[in-house]
Amino acid sequence: MLASLLHIPIETIPVFSSKDTWLKDMNAWLRPRGLAYLSFPQEGFHQMLADFGIRGVHHEIYGGTTRFTDVGHACVGEDGRLVFDPHPSRDGLNASIEGHGLFIALEPWRIQT
């Protein structure tokens, strides 16, 4: 999912597998790239985007997968709907979408306009 959203080679992305520290580890890896990751629950996400007038946002969408019952999976979403599963099976998520992850610019003044 990171490689797909950030358009970088998957082999350059570390494996963030520690259950207790993966979020902090991923944000430490994102920081030099000028990004941070924030997670939002499924409930209310679509309304939040609508309330803020946000459209066309690509993000992580995560939840259960049909391949395993005890392991979560992350896909690429747009405006709250799944648009791409990076796994070769392309099975996507099962009905239990848990939430969405957004990447935010830490230094927005550096963005070229």
Foldseek 3Di string as FASTA:
>chain_A
DCCVVVVHDPVVDDDQPDPVCSQVVVQVVCVVVQKHKDKDWLPCQLVVCVVVVHFFAKWKWKDAAPVDDPDMAIAIDGSSHGDFGPDPVRRDHDPGTTTIMHMDGNCVVPDDD
